[in-house]
Amino acid sequence: MRAVIVFIVAVFIINSISLSKKYNNALGLAEAGKYNEAISAFESLGDHKDSEEKIYEVKYKKAEALLQEGNKAAAAVAFGKVADY
């Protein structure tokens, strides 16, 4: 029985570390301006930490970047996807 408990705890710890690494990777992608990749990475994390909030933040940053690039039509569409942010 003790071995089972130790195993379950180990699996939980490994899973937590893996999710944290994926989360940090998603943050790095967003900071590097790889918005689509960052959005996908955060989506794959489900409800880990504030991943859902980060998805909206990255979508907003993407829209801002499009606007700064002068791509007004694409920016308008992107801002429309985060209208509630």
C-alpha atoms as a PDB file:
ATOM      1  CA  MET A   1       0.000   0.000   0.000  1.00  0.00           C
ATOM      2  CA  ARG A   2       2.812   2.406   0.876  1.00  0.00           C
ATOM      3  CA  ALA A   3       4.456   1.792  -2.495  1.00  0.00           C
ATOM      4  CA  VAL A   4       1.218   2.712  -4.252  1.00  0.00           C
ATOM      5  CA  ILE A   5       0.985   5.992  -2.354  1.00  0.00           C
ATOM      6  CA  VAL A   6       4.622   6.825  -3.136  1.00  0.00           C
ATOM      7  CA  PHE A   7       3.987   6.041  -6.801  1.00  0.00           C
ATOM      8  CA  ILE A   8       0.900   8.268  -6.932  1.00  0.00           C
ATOM      9  CA  VAL A   9       2.761  11.136  -5.287  1.00  0.00           C
ATOM     10  CA  ALA A  10       5.686  10.718  -7.703  1.00  0.00           C
ATOM     11  CA  VAL A  11       3.359  10.786 -10.711  1.00  0.00           C
ATOM     12  CA  PHE A  12       1.690  13.922  -9.375  1.00  0.00           C
ATOM     13  CA  ILE A  13       5.031  15.674  -8.861  1.00  0.00           C
ATOM     14  CA  ILE A  14       6.307  14.708 -12.311  1.00  0.00           C
ATOM     15  CA  ASN A  15       3.069  15.911 -13.910  1.00  0.00           C
ATOM     16  CA  SER A  16       3.281  19.224 -12.046  1.00  0.00           C
ATOM     17  CA  ILE A  17       6.871  19.773 -13.177  1.00  0.00           C
ATOM     18  CA  SER A  18       5.935  18.941 -16.758  1.00  0.00           C
ATOM     19  CA  LEU A  19       3.026  21.392 -16.731  1.00  0.00           C
ATOM     20  CA  SER A  20       5.234  24.114 -15.268  1.00  0.00           C
ATOM     21  CA  LYS A  21       7.809  23.600 -18.010  1.00  0.00           C
ATOM     22  CA  LYS A  22       5.117  23.753 -20.686  1.00  0.00           C
ATOM     23  CA  TYR A  23       3.674  26.896 -19.093  1.00  0.00           C
ATOM     24  CA  ASN A  24       7.073  28.593 -19.010  1.00  0.00           C
ATOM     25  CA  ASN A  25       7.662  27.563 -22.628  1.00  0.00           C
ATOM     26  CA  ALA A  26       4.346  29.148 -23.607  1.00  0.00           C
ATOM     27  CA  LEU A  27       5.348  32.357 -21.823  1.00  0.00           C
ATOM     28  CA  GLY A  28       8.634  32.365 -23.727  1.00  0.00           C
ATOM     29  CA  LEU A  29       6.859  31.907 -27.037  1.00  0.00           C
ATOM     30  CA  ALA A  30       4.587  34.839 -26.269  1.00  0.00           C
ATOM     31  CA  GLU A  31       7.512  37.049 -25.277  1.00  0.00           C
ATOM     32  CA  ALA A  32       9.299  36.102 -28.520  1.00  0.00           C
ATOM     33  CA  GLY A  33       6.288  37.222 -30.553  1.00  0.00           C
ATOM     34  CA  LYS A  34       5.370  33.695 -31.612  1.00  0.00           C
ATOM     35  CA  TYR A  35       1.759  34.353 -30.799  1.00  0.00           C
ATOM     36  CA  ASN A  36       0.059  31.468 -32.596  1.00  0.00           C
ATOM     37  CA  GLU A  37       2.455  28.960 -31.065  1.00  0.00           C
ATOM     38  CA  ALA A  38       1.993  30.514 -27.629  1.00  0.00           C
ATOM     39  CA  ILE A  39      -1.794  30.376 -27.925  1.00  0.00           C
ATOM     40  CA  SER A  40      -1.643  26.697 -28.869  1.00  0.00           C
ATOM     41  CA  ALA A  41       0.731  25.983 -26.000  1.00  0.00           C
ATOM     42  CA  PHE A  42      -1.530  27.703 -23.462  1.00  0.00           C
ATOM     43  CA  GLU A  43      -4.587  25.935 -24.883  1.00  0.00           C
ATOM     44  CA  SER A  44      -2.881  22.579 -24.394  1.00  0.00           C
ATOM     45  CA  LEU A  45      -2.462  23.388 -20.689  1.00  0.00           C
ATOM     46  CA  GLY A  46      -6.193  23.565 -20.029  1.00  0.00           C
ATOM     47  CA  ASP A  47      -6.869  25.209 -16.672  1.00  0.00           C
ATOM     48  CA  HIS A  48      -3.270  25.050 -15.401  1.00  0.00           C
ATOM     49  CA  LYS A  49      -2.490  28.251 -13.485  1.00  0.00           C
ATOM     50  CA  ASP A  50      -3.867  31.183 -15.465  1.00  0.00           C
ATOM     51  CA  SER A  51      -3.488  29.636 -18.919  1.00  0.00           C
ATOM     52  CA  GLU A  52      -6.972  30.646 -20.003  1.00  0.00           C
ATOM     53  CA  GLU A  53      -6.256  34.280 -19.117  1.00  0.00           C
ATOM     54  CA  LYS A  54      -2.897  34.101 -20.878  1.00  0.00           C
ATOM     55  CA  ILE A  55      -4.619  32.971 -24.074  1.00  0.00           C
ATOM     56  CA  TYR A  56      -6.573  36.231 -24.148  1.00  0.00           C
ATOM     57  CA  GLU A  57      -3.478  38.275 -23.276  1.00  0.00           C
ATOM     58  CA  VAL A  58      -1.508  36.710 -26.132  1.00  0.00           C
ATOM     59  CA  LYS A  59      -4.378  37.180 -28.570  1.00  0.00           C
ATOM     60  CA  TYR A  60      -4.496  40.845 -27.575  1.00  0.00           C
ATOM     61  CA  LYS A  61      -0.729  41.211 -27.999  1.00  0.00           C
ATOM     62  CA  LYS A  62      -1.038  39.587 -31.414  1.00  0.00           C
ATOM     63  CA  ALA A  63      -3.709  42.098 -32.407  1.00  0.00           C
ATOM     64  CA  GLU A  64      -1.536  44.978 -31.191  1.00  0.00           C
ATOM     65  CA  ALA A  65       1.433  43.666 -33.177  1.00  0.00           C
ATOM     66  CA  LEU A  66      -0.673  43.417 -36.318  1.00  0.00           C
ATOM     67  CA  LEU A  67      -1.827  46.999 -35.838  1.00  0.00           C
ATOM     68  CA  GLN A  68       1.739  48.236 -35.318  1.00  0.00           C
ATOM     69  CA  GLU A  69       2.740  46.441 -38.525  1.00  0.00           C
ATOM     70  CA  GLY A  70       0.055  48.402 -40.338  1.00  0.00           C
ATOM     71  CA  ASN A  71      -2.120  45.378 -40.997  1.00  0.00           C
ATOM     72  CA  LYS A  72      -5.345  47.094 -39.931  1.00  0.00           C
ATOM     73  CA  ALA A  73      -7.771  44.536 -41.358  1.00  0.00           C
ATOM     74  CA  ALA A  74      -6.093  41.581 -39.645  1.00  0.00           C
ATOM     75  CA  ALA A  75      -5.745  43.619 -36.450  1.00  0.00           C
ATOM     76  CA  ALA A  76      -9.476  44.422 -36.472  1.00  0.00           C
ATOM     77  CA  VAL A  77     -10.298  40.723 -36.802  1.00  0.00           C
ATOM     78  CA  ALA A  78      -7.838  39.823 -34.044  1.00  0.00           C
ATOM     79  CA  PHE A  79      -9.189  42.525 -31.709  1.00  0.00           C
ATOM     80  CA  GLY A  80     -12.688  41.228 -32.414  1.00  0.00           C
ATOM     81  CA  LYS A  81     -11.648  37.829 -31.064  1.00  0.00           C
ATOM     82  CA  VAL A  82     -10.692  39.380 -27.738  1.00  0.00           C
ATOM     83  CA  ALA A  83     -13.503  41.908 -27.453  1.00  0.00           C
ATOM     84  CA  ASP A  84     -14.251  40.817 -23.874  1.00  0.00           C
ATOM     85  CA  TYR A  85     -10.653  41.099 -22.689  1.00  0.00           C
END
